[in-house]
């Protein structure tokens, strides 16, 4: 029996299609007075009904057209967690333009080469956010976007569902960030996760703790709730993880979504009762079993984990009524076709490690990397898109994530997953956060290193004794290094590449 799961067919878009219309038009027509969006602060919330949101999005489309931005032009977004973000993102798409969201935390040196690569026709920025050095490109502010809210609505630009809708950048944790081009049809790649991961219905109030520019927040936090007619709850810029339990309770959140690092920070303090919360969602990196159990103990609710990437919508998940075996991430969602492939790009036997692949016809799959035909082609076979993730798939279809292919360790010729070592060391006395990777201690010699945070450096001998009790010798760390904080990106995603670059000392 081989590691191939086929749960198709996926949804098929109509011939004339627009992503923004799919997200907003039907919900606004059915539920014009319902709250679509609330931007949350401890002191209150900014509220947007469906009717107001749709009107503002289509007004923004008109305003962009009046500025001379045309169909297919690219717009660089330099905005934080503010309402102008979705107004601009969906307004541009509604008019057939191509928004490019980027992290507001990027510096001028970081954003300039990214902006140069996409060649924007316009830049939209909030005050204090670093701008690229592109002197010939006009810049408008978030305040300018708000003035467009009152303009007459533009018509939705309907067309080929395979045409370019938006561009996002990968996190760059394995090197240079790649510009990922997504089609209008990409939104249909999210339909399968509403039931199989999010458990999302029109009655829900979903609070997402991530930054708007992240595809996890943009999809799960905004577009998915609006597609089904639910309410999106987003913490305002500057809200801390320690304030999230209060917001969850005060604003009656029924679903909470965050990266594992946010869950860990929240759990450092006692949690208030959350009577309306049904479950949490986790994506972005591997969720530690200890974090899942601690959340369940504190709130009485489960966390459903999912696996996806910037190039594909989230396509493997646990969900209500679909709990995988302990240690596994989840199952392929209905409408997906996946496999674990060997070096010959054929499915491996069930239970064996292989490279996770998804059918290249999946609607959520990217068009390709911008101006990087070779990098795009390297990801594709005749049938599959190769994710670069190592997994195993059991006979029941449960998928266990083993890490990125470039994260896999090979000490002494043994293949070791960093997650297995991290799980064994997570309960070592005094450790508050940890990550494992392989480091080069001398030319050509690599060992497993454990990087950890704690109130003070811990005794290496005690950590080694813990490892010896939990792990086979070849899986045990040989180096232990105390850090003030693990290197994480703007969305709390662990950067193993940065750890490897730190070296042994």
Protein backbone atom coordinates (compact mmCIF):
# COMPACT_ATOMS: atom_id res chain seq x y z
CA UNK A 1 0.00 0.00 0.00
CA UNK A 2 1.48 3.35 -1.05
CA UNK A 3 1.32 6.84 0.47
CA UNK A 4 -1.18 8.43 -1.90
CA UNK A 5 -4.48 10.00 -0.78
CA UNK A 6 -7.05 11.13 -3.34
CA UNK A 7 -10.10 12.95 -1.88
CA UNK A 8 -11.03 14.92 -5.02
CA UNK A 9 -12.48 16.46 -7.00
CA UNK A 10 -11.70 20.06 -5.99
CA UNK A 11 -14.16 22.91 -6.61
CA UNK A 12 -14.14 24.40 -10.11
CA UNK A 13 -14.47 28.20 -10.56
CA UNK A 14 -16.85 29.77 -13.09
CA UNK A 15 -15.34 31.13 -16.31
CA UNK A 16 -15.89 34.75 -15.21
CA UNK A 17 -14.54 35.07 -11.67
CA UNK A 18 -13.20 37.61 -9.17
CA UNK A 19 -11.68 36.66 -5.82
CA UNK A 20 -12.97 39.76 -4.00
CA UNK A 21 -16.50 39.21 -5.30
CA UNK A 22 -16.38 35.60 -4.08
CA UNK A 23 -15.28 36.74 -0.61
CA UNK A 24 -17.72 39.61 -0.04
CA UNK A 25 -20.58 39.93 -2.51
CA UNK A 26 -22.85 37.08 -1.40
CA UNK A 27 -22.40 37.70 2.35
CA UNK A 28 -23.01 41.44 1.95
CA UNK A 29 -26.19 40.78 -0.02
CA UNK A 30 -27.54 38.29 2.55
CA UNK A 31 -26.29 39.98 5.73
CA UNK A 32 -25.82 43.71 5.04
CA UNK A 33 -26.22 44.81 8.66
CA UNK A 34 -24.19 42.04 10.29
CA UNK A 35 -20.76 42.81 11.74
CA UNK A 36 -18.14 41.60 9.27
CA UNK A 37 -15.03 42.97 11.01
CA UNK A 38 -14.05 44.24 14.43
CA UNK A 39 -10.57 45.67 15.11
CA UNK A 40 -10.08 44.98 18.81
CA UNK A 41 -8.46 47.00 21.57
CA UNK A 42 -8.77 46.50 25.34
CA UNK A 43 -10.76 49.76 25.40
CA UNK A 44 -13.20 48.84 22.63
CA UNK A 45 -13.52 47.93 18.96
CA UNK A 46 -13.82 49.49 15.52
CA UNK A 47 -16.85 47.87 13.84
CA UNK A 48 -17.60 47.32 10.18
CA UNK A 49 -20.83 45.84 8.82
CA UNK A 50 -20.88 43.78 5.66
CA UNK A 51 -22.65 46.54 3.74
CA UNK A 52 -20.12 49.17 4.82
CA UNK A 53 -17.17 46.86 4.15
CA UNK A 54 -18.30 46.04 0.60
CA UNK A 55 -19.07 49.68 -0.15
CA UNK A 56 -15.62 50.74 1.11
CA UNK A 57 -13.84 48.00 -0.87
CA UNK A 58 -15.55 49.00 -4.12
CA UNK A 59 -15.00 52.69 -3.33
CA UNK A 60 -11.31 51.92 -2.89
CA UNK A 61 -11.34 50.22 -6.32
CA UNK A 62 -12.75 53.43 -7.81
CA UNK A 63 -10.18 55.57 -6.00
CA UNK A 64 -7.29 53.49 -7.29
CA UNK A 65 -8.64 53.77 -10.83
CA UNK A 66 -8.90 57.55 -10.45
CA UNK A 67 -5.21 57.60 -9.47
CA UNK A 68 -4.37 56.01 -12.82
CA UNK A 69 -3.71 52.47 -11.55
CA UNK A 70 -4.82 50.02 -14.19
CA UNK A 71 -5.81 46.38 -14.47
CA UNK A 72 -2.75 44.20 -13.82
CA UNK A 73 -0.71 46.97 -12.13
CA UNK A 74 0.99 46.03 -8.86
CA UNK A 75 0.44 47.89 -5.59
CA UNK A 76 2.98 47.53 -2.76
CA UNK A 77 1.23 47.44 0.63
CA UNK A 78 3.16 48.82 3.63
CA UNK A 79 0.38 48.64 6.22
CA UNK A 80 -0.09 47.10 9.67
CA UNK A 81 -3.15 45.53 11.33
CA UNK A 82 -5.59 48.27 10.37
CA UNK A 83 -8.83 48.32 8.43
CA UNK A 84 -7.16 50.01 5.46
CA UNK A 85 -5.33 46.73 4.82
CA UNK A 86 -8.34 44.62 3.74
CA UNK A 87 -9.96 47.65 2.05
CA UNK A 88 -6.90 48.06 -0.17
CA UNK A 89 -6.22 44.35 -0.66
CA UNK A 90 -9.75 43.46 -1.76
CA UNK A 91 -10.34 46.80 -3.47
CA UNK A 92 -7.33 46.30 -5.70
CA UNK A 93 -8.36 42.73 -6.53
CA UNK A 94 -11.94 43.84 -7.20
CA UNK A 95 -10.58 46.21 -9.88
CA UNK A 96 -8.27 43.59 -11.40
CA UNK A 97 -5.11 45.11 -9.90
CA UNK A 98 -2.46 43.09 -8.05
CA UNK A 99 -1.83 43.94 -4.36
CA UNK A 100 1.44 42.84 -2.76
CA UNK A 101 1.16 42.76 1.07
CA UNK A 102 4.43 42.92 3.01
CA UNK A 103 5.34 42.93 6.69
CA UNK A 104 5.24 46.38 8.27
CA UNK A 105 8.30 45.37 10.31
CA UNK A 106 10.64 45.18 7.30
CA UNK A 107 13.39 47.79 7.16
CA UNK A 108 14.23 49.98 4.16
CA UNK A 109 17.17 47.69 3.35
CA UNK A 110 14.88 44.66 3.40
CA UNK A 111 11.90 46.05 1.49
CA UNK A 112 13.84 47.83 -1.28
CA UNK A 113 15.04 44.70 -3.15
CA UNK A 114 11.62 43.08 -2.72
CA UNK A 115 9.86 46.15 -4.10
CA UNK A 116 12.32 46.43 -6.97
CA UNK A 117 11.52 42.87 -7.92
CA UNK A 118 7.77 43.42 -8.17
CA UNK A 119 7.93 46.84 -9.90
CA UNK A 120 4.93 48.50 -8.22
CA UNK A 121 2.83 51.18 -9.91
CA UNK A 122 1.85 52.56 -6.48
CA UNK A 123 2.93 52.27 -2.82
CA UNK A 124 0.45 52.60 0.05
CA UNK A 125 2.01 53.12 3.48
CA UNK A 126 1.05 53.86 7.07
CA UNK A 127 3.01 56.51 8.99
CA UNK A 128 6.29 55.24 10.40
CA UNK A 129 6.50 52.16 8.16
CA UNK A 130 9.77 51.92 6.22
CA UNK A 131 9.51 52.68 2.50
CA UNK A 132 11.64 51.24 -0.31
CA UNK A 133 14.07 53.42 -2.19
CA UNK A 134 12.04 53.71 -5.41
CA UNK A 135 11.99 57.45 -6.13
CA UNK A 136 9.82 57.27 -9.26
CA UNK A 137 6.95 55.35 -7.66
CA UNK A 138 4.14 57.47 -6.12
CA UNK A 139 3.26 56.93 -2.46
CA UNK A 140 -0.11 57.49 -0.81
CA UNK A 141 -1.08 56.98 2.83
CA UNK A 142 -3.57 54.88 4.71
CA UNK A 143 -5.57 58.10 5.26
CA UNK A 144 -5.92 58.42 1.48
CA UNK A 145 -7.45 54.93 1.37
CA UNK A 146 -10.07 55.98 3.93
CA UNK A 147 -11.15 58.95 1.80
CA UNK A 148 -11.96 56.52 -1.00
CA UNK A 149 -14.61 54.82 1.15
CA UNK A 150 -17.21 57.38 0.08
CA UNK A 151 -16.57 57.13 -3.67
CA UNK A 152 -19.08 55.49 -6.01
CA UNK A 153 -18.54 51.72 -6.21
CA UNK A 154 -16.56 50.23 -9.06
CA UNK A 155 -17.78 47.13 -10.85
CA UNK A 156 -16.03 43.86 -10.09
CA UNK A 157 -13.48 42.97 -12.75
CA UNK A 158 -14.61 39.49 -13.82
CA UNK A 159 -12.34 37.29 -15.89
CA UNK A 160 -10.22 34.17 -16.19
CA UNK A 161 -9.93 32.53 -12.73
CA UNK A 162 -6.32 31.62 -13.57
CA UNK A 163 -5.22 35.26 -13.98
CA UNK A 164 -2.97 36.88 -11.38
CA UNK A 165 -4.78 38.23 -8.29
CA UNK A 166 -2.08 38.97 -5.69
CA UNK A 167 1.56 38.34 -4.77
CA UNK A 168 2.92 37.34 -1.37
CA UNK A 169 6.49 36.79 -0.24
CA UNK A 170 7.69 33.63 1.47
CA UNK A 171 9.20 34.02 4.93
CA UNK A 172 12.74 33.64 3.64
CA UNK A 173 13.77 31.37 6.52
CA UNK A 174 15.63 29.12 4.06
CA UNK A 175 17.21 31.98 2.10
CA UNK A 176 16.02 34.77 -0.19
CA UNK A 177 12.25 35.42 0.06
CA UNK A 178 10.40 34.30 -3.07
CA UNK A 179 7.57 36.29 -4.65
CA UNK A 180 4.63 33.87 -4.92
CA UNK A 181 2.00 34.66 -7.55
CA UNK A 182 -1.56 33.56 -6.75
CA UNK A 183 -4.53 33.42 -9.10
CA UNK A 184 -8.11 34.51 -8.40
CA UNK A 185 -8.99 30.78 -8.16
CA UNK A 186 -6.76 30.50 -5.06
CA UNK A 187 -9.72 31.44 -2.87
CA UNK A 188 -11.44 28.19 -3.92
CA UNK A 189 -8.52 26.29 -2.43
CA UNK A 190 -9.74 27.52 0.93
CA UNK A 191 -13.28 26.13 0.71
CA UNK A 192 -12.17 22.64 1.75
CA UNK A 193 -10.69 23.86 5.03
CA UNK A 194 -13.85 25.59 6.30
CA UNK A 195 -15.24 22.25 7.51
CA UNK A 196 -12.19 19.99 7.66
CA UNK A 197 -10.00 22.38 9.70
CA UNK A 198 -11.67 25.56 10.88
CA UNK A 199 -15.13 24.20 11.62
CA UNK A 200 -16.28 27.62 10.44
CA UNK A 201 -19.94 28.64 10.14
CA UNK A 202 -21.91 31.85 9.67
CA UNK A 203 -22.53 32.00 13.43
CA UNK A 204 -18.83 32.13 14.36
CA UNK A 205 -16.68 34.97 15.66
CA UNK A 206 -13.09 34.10 14.71
CA UNK A 207 -10.22 35.93 16.41
CA UNK A 208 -6.85 35.68 14.66
CA UNK A 209 -3.71 36.91 16.40
CA UNK A 210 -1.42 37.23 13.37
CA UNK A 211 -0.29 40.09 11.16
CA UNK A 212 -2.51 40.86 8.16
CA UNK A 213 0.30 40.40 5.64
CA UNK A 214 0.69 36.73 6.63
CA UNK A 215 -1.28 34.37 4.38
CA UNK A 216 -2.45 32.49 7.50
CA UNK A 217 -4.10 35.66 8.88
CA UNK A 218 -5.23 36.96 5.53
CA UNK A 219 -7.01 33.70 4.74
CA UNK A 220 -8.14 32.23 8.05
CA UNK A 221 -8.57 35.55 9.84
CA UNK A 222 -10.31 37.63 7.17
CA UNK A 223 -11.32 36.03 3.89
CA UNK A 224 -12.66 32.74 5.25
CA UNK A 225 -15.01 34.34 7.81
CA UNK A 226 -16.33 36.77 5.18
CA UNK A 227 -16.84 34.01 2.61
CA UNK A 228 -19.24 32.18 4.98
CA UNK A 229 -20.79 35.28 6.58
CA UNK A 230 -19.04 35.03 9.96
CA UNK A 231 -17.41 37.85 11.96
CA UNK A 232 -13.64 38.45 11.82
CA UNK A 233 -12.05 39.70 15.06
CA UNK A 234 -8.53 41.14 14.68
CA UNK A 235 -6.40 42.61 17.49
CA UNK A 236 -5.24 46.12 16.68
CA UNK A 237 -1.59 46.97 16.15
CA UNK A 238 0.27 46.87 19.47
CA UNK A 239 -1.98 44.40 21.30
CA UNK A 240 0.21 41.96 23.27
CA UNK A 241 -0.26 38.19 23.59
CA UNK A 242 -0.95 38.65 27.31
CA UNK A 243 -4.02 40.77 26.41
CA UNK A 244 -5.55 38.19 24.05
CA UNK A 245 -7.42 36.12 26.70
CA UNK A 246 -9.26 39.28 27.77
CA UNK A 247 -10.19 40.06 24.15
CA UNK A 248 -11.31 36.48 23.51
CA UNK A 249 -13.68 36.71 26.46
CA UNK A 250 -14.88 40.29 26.04
CA UNK A 251 -15.72 39.90 22.35
CA UNK A 252 -17.24 36.40 22.60
CA UNK A 253 -14.79 34.67 20.26
CA UNK A 254 -15.89 31.17 19.28
CA UNK A 255 -12.70 30.24 17.36
CA UNK A 256 -9.14 31.41 18.04
CA UNK A 257 -6.30 31.17 15.50
CA UNK A 258 -2.60 31.80 16.13
CA UNK A 259 0.90 30.46 15.63
CA UNK A 260 2.25 28.06 18.27
CA UNK A 261 4.51 30.77 19.69
CA UNK A 262 1.48 32.92 20.53
CA UNK A 263 -0.19 30.03 22.36
CA UNK A 264 3.00 29.52 24.39
CA UNK A 265 3.19 33.18 25.39
CA UNK A 266 -0.48 33.24 26.39
CA UNK A 267 -0.06 30.16 28.57
CA UNK A 268 2.65 31.77 30.69
CA UNK A 269 -0.10 33.55 32.64
CA UNK A 270 -3.34 32.14 34.12
CA UNK A 271 -6.14 31.98 31.54
CA UNK A 272 -9.55 33.48 32.24
CA UNK A 273 -12.57 31.24 31.53
CA UNK A 274 -13.61 31.36 27.86
CA UNK A 275 -17.17 29.99 27.84
CA UNK A 276 -17.89 30.83 24.19
CA UNK A 277 -14.69 29.40 22.72
CA UNK A 278 -15.12 26.09 20.87
CA UNK A 279 -11.56 25.44 19.68
CA UNK A 280 -8.26 26.91 18.60
CA UNK A 281 -6.45 26.69 15.25
CA UNK A 282 -2.68 26.46 14.81
CA UNK A 283 -0.44 26.77 11.74
CA UNK A 284 2.88 28.28 10.74
CA UNK A 285 5.13 25.75 12.46
CA UNK A 286 4.85 22.43 14.28
CA UNK A 287 2.64 22.59 17.38
CA UNK A 288 4.29 20.91 20.37
CA UNK A 289 2.14 18.31 22.11
CA UNK A 290 2.93 19.97 25.45
CA UNK A 291 1.46 23.26 24.20
CA UNK A 292 -1.65 21.53 22.91
CA UNK A 293 -2.20 19.77 26.23
CA UNK A 294 -1.51 22.89 28.29
CA UNK A 295 -4.08 24.84 26.25
CA UNK A 296 -6.65 22.08 26.65
CA UNK A 297 -6.07 21.99 30.41
CA UNK A 298 -6.36 25.79 30.68
CA UNK A 299 -9.41 26.33 28.45
CA UNK A 300 -11.12 22.96 28.07
CA UNK A 301 -10.93 23.32 24.27
CA UNK A 302 -8.83 21.50 21.63
CA UNK A 303 -6.37 22.99 19.15
CA UNK A 304 -6.65 21.77 15.56
CA UNK A 305 -3.33 21.90 13.75
CA UNK A 306 -2.85 22.43 10.01
CA UNK A 307 -0.06 22.24 7.47
CA UNK A 308 0.27 24.55 4.49
CA UNK A 309 2.68 26.98 2.87
CA UNK A 310 2.72 30.31 1.05
CA UNK A 311 2.65 28.49 -2.29
CA UNK A 312 -0.47 26.44 -1.44
CA UNK A 313 -3.45 26.99 0.80
CA UNK A 314 -3.56 25.03 4.07
CA UNK A 315 -4.38 21.55 2.83
CA UNK A 316 -3.66 19.05 5.64
CA UNK A 317 -5.36 19.44 9.00
CA UNK A 318 -7.11 18.08 12.02
CA UNK A 319 -10.58 19.40 12.65
CA UNK A 320 -13.85 18.85 14.49
CA UNK A 321 -14.60 15.14 14.21
CA UNK A 322 -11.29 14.44 12.41
CA UNK A 323 -8.66 13.87 15.10
CA UNK A 324 -5.43 12.20 13.94
CA UNK A 325 -3.33 9.77 16.01
CA UNK A 326 -1.04 11.29 18.62
CA UNK A 327 1.93 12.96 16.94
CA UNK A 328 0.30 13.27 13.52
CA UNK A 329 -0.67 16.67 12.07
CA UNK A 330 -3.90 15.66 10.38
CA UNK A 331 -5.48 14.37 7.18
CA UNK A 332 -5.76 15.65 3.64
CA UNK A 333 -8.87 17.79 3.31
CA UNK A 334 -11.70 16.67 1.08
CA UNK A 335 -11.04 17.80 -2.48
CA UNK A 336 -7.26 17.31 -2.11
CA UNK A 337 -4.89 14.78 -3.67
CA UNK A 338 -1.57 14.32 -1.87
CA UNK A 339 1.31 11.82 -1.69
CA UNK A 340 4.60 11.16 0.05
CA UNK A 341 7.15 10.74 -2.74
CA UNK A 342 10.55 9.13 -2.90
CA UNK A 343 13.57 10.41 -4.87
CA UNK A 344 12.03 8.89 -8.02
CA UNK A 345 8.89 11.04 -7.45
CA UNK A 346 6.80 7.92 -6.94
CA UNK A 347 4.71 7.34 -3.78
CA UNK A 348 6.60 5.52 -1.04
CA UNK A 349 5.11 2.72 1.06
CA UNK A 350 2.71 3.71 3.84
CA UNK A 351 4.51 4.74 7.00
CA UNK A 352 7.79 5.54 5.22
CA UNK A 353 9.20 9.07 5.08
CA UNK A 354 8.88 10.92 1.80
CA UNK A 355 8.52 14.40 0.35
CA UNK A 356 5.00 15.77 0.67
CA UNK A 357 3.45 16.58 -2.70
CA UNK A 358 0.08 17.98 -3.72
CA UNK A 359 -1.68 17.63 -7.05
CA UNK A 360 -0.53 20.45 -9.33
CA UNK A 361 -4.18 20.98 -10.37
CA UNK A 362 -5.18 22.03 -6.84
CA UNK A 363 -6.97 25.42 -7.08
CA UNK A 364 -4.97 26.78 -4.16
CA UNK A 365 -1.62 26.18 -5.86
CA UNK A 366 0.35 29.24 -6.95
CA UNK A 367 0.78 30.27 -10.58
CA UNK A 368 4.52 30.29 -9.95
CA UNK A 369 7.36 32.35 -8.51
CA UNK A 370 7.70 35.82 -10.04
CA UNK A 371 10.52 35.97 -12.61
CA UNK A 372 11.88 32.63 -11.40
CA UNK A 373 10.90 30.03 -13.98
CA UNK A 374 13.67 27.62 -12.96
CA UNK A 375 12.71 27.74 -9.28
CA UNK A 376 9.08 27.13 -10.23
CA UNK A 377 9.95 24.22 -12.52
CA UNK A 378 12.11 22.64 -9.80
CA UNK A 379 8.98 22.28 -7.66
CA UNK A 380 6.92 20.52 -10.32
CA UNK A 381 6.62 17.06 -11.83
CA UNK A 382 4.05 15.98 -14.41
CA UNK A 383 1.50 15.37 -11.64
CA UNK A 384 2.75 16.98 -8.45
CA UNK A 385 3.91 20.13 -6.72
CA UNK A 386 6.80 19.28 -4.38
CA UNK A 387 6.52 21.09 -1.05
CA UNK A 388 9.98 20.41 0.37
CA UNK A 389 8.40 19.00 3.55
CA UNK A 390 9.22 15.53 4.82
CA UNK A 391 6.22 13.51 6.05
CA UNK A 392 4.96 10.00 6.55
CA UNK A 393 1.40 8.91 5.68
CA UNK A 394 -0.08 5.89 7.43
CA UNK A 395 -2.60 3.41 6.06
CA UNK A 396 -5.50 5.51 7.39
CA UNK A 397 -4.22 8.63 5.61
CA UNK A 398 -2.92 10.38 8.75
CA UNK A 399 0.00 12.67 7.90
CA UNK A 400 2.91 13.07 10.33
CA UNK A 401 5.10 16.10 9.68
CA UNK A 402 8.83 15.35 9.97
CA UNK A 403 10.16 18.81 9.09
CA UNK A 404 11.50 20.66 6.11
CA UNK A 405 13.82 18.57 3.97
CA UNK A 406 16.59 21.04 4.74
CA UNK A 407 15.77 20.80 8.47
CA UNK A 408 16.24 17.03 8.63
CA UNK A 409 19.37 16.06 10.56
CA UNK A 410 21.80 13.29 9.63
CA UNK A 411 24.23 12.76 12.55
CA UNK A 412 26.45 9.74 12.00
CA UNK A 413 24.39 8.74 8.98
CA UNK A 414 21.09 8.45 10.92
CA UNK A 415 18.14 10.52 9.70
CA UNK A 416 16.61 12.40 12.68
CA UNK A 417 13.66 14.80 12.79
CA UNK A 418 14.21 17.91 14.95
CA UNK A 419 10.61 17.62 16.19
CA UNK A 420 11.26 14.22 17.77
CA UNK A 421 14.18 15.62 19.75
CA UNK A 422 12.27 18.77 20.71
CA UNK A 423 9.31 16.74 21.96
CA UNK A 424 11.61 14.63 24.14
CA UNK A 425 13.38 17.67 25.61
CA UNK A 426 10.35 19.97 26.03
CA UNK A 427 9.77 18.97 29.66
CA UNK A 428 13.40 19.33 30.76
CA UNK A 429 13.41 21.20 34.05
CA UNK A 430 13.76 24.97 33.63
CA UNK A 431 13.40 25.09 29.83
CA UNK A 432 10.83 27.67 28.67
CA UNK A 433 11.33 27.39 24.88
CA UNK A 434 13.61 25.32 22.69
CA UNK A 435 14.60 24.38 19.17
CA UNK A 436 16.89 21.75 17.71
CA UNK A 437 19.01 21.84 14.59
CA UNK A 438 22.24 20.45 13.22
CA UNK A 439 25.35 22.66 13.39
CA UNK A 440 28.81 22.30 11.89
CA UNK A 441 31.45 22.07 14.65
CA UNK A 442 34.38 21.56 12.29
CA UNK A 443 34.64 21.30 8.50
CA UNK A 444 32.32 18.46 7.45
CA UNK A 445 31.41 17.48 11.02
CA UNK A 446 27.83 18.09 12.16
CA UNK A 447 26.17 17.44 15.51
CA UNK A 448 22.70 17.96 16.98
CA UNK A 449 22.47 21.18 18.97
CA UNK A 450 19.73 22.22 21.39
CA UNK A 451 19.07 25.96 21.65
CA UNK A 452 16.88 26.91 24.60
CA UNK A 453 15.55 29.76 26.71
CA UNK A 454 15.40 29.67 30.49
CA UNK A 455 15.57 32.09 33.40
CA UNK A 456 19.33 31.38 33.53
CA UNK A 457 21.72 29.01 31.74
CA UNK A 458 21.06 25.41 32.77
CA UNK A 459 23.55 22.72 33.66
CA UNK A 460 24.60 20.85 30.50
CA UNK A 461 25.00 17.62 32.46
CA UNK A 462 21.39 17.79 33.67
CA UNK A 463 20.14 18.40 30.14
CA UNK A 464 22.25 15.53 28.85
CA UNK A 465 20.88 13.21 31.53
CA UNK A 466 17.36 14.13 30.47
CA UNK A 467 18.25 13.38 26.83
CA UNK A 468 19.77 10.02 27.75
CA UNK A 469 16.58 9.01 29.51
CA UNK A 470 14.38 9.93 26.55
CA UNK A 471 16.36 9.40 23.35
CA UNK A 472 18.53 6.88 21.59
CA UNK A 473 22.16 7.91 21.64
CA UNK A 474 22.27 9.01 17.99
CA UNK A 475 19.29 11.34 18.60
CA UNK A 476 20.75 13.06 21.67
CA UNK A 477 22.01 16.65 21.40
CA UNK A 478 25.74 17.07 21.70
CA UNK A 479 25.62 20.81 22.26
CA UNK A 480 23.40 22.94 24.53
CA UNK A 481 23.21 26.68 24.11
CA UNK A 482 21.24 29.18 26.20
CA UNK A 483 19.66 32.14 24.36
CA UNK A 484 17.69 35.12 25.57
CA UNK A 485 15.15 34.37 22.82
CA UNK A 486 14.87 32.02 19.87
CA UNK A 487 15.07 33.69 16.45
CA UNK A 488 11.55 34.10 15.13
CA UNK A 489 10.04 36.08 12.31
CA UNK A 490 7.32 38.70 12.47
CA UNK A 491 4.68 35.96 12.71
CA UNK A 492 6.46 34.08 15.54
CA UNK A 493 7.70 31.42 13.10
CA UNK A 494 10.96 29.78 14.15
CA UNK A 495 13.96 30.53 11.94
CA UNK A 496 16.10 27.37 12.02
CA UNK A 497 18.40 28.76 9.38
CA UNK A 498 19.38 31.55 11.78
CA UNK A 499 20.11 28.96 14.46
CA UNK A 500 22.37 26.99 12.11
CA UNK A 501 24.23 30.18 11.28
CA UNK A 502 24.89 30.84 14.99
CA UNK A 503 27.12 27.79 15.05
CA UNK A 504 28.32 25.93 18.13
CA UNK A 505 29.32 28.96 20.25
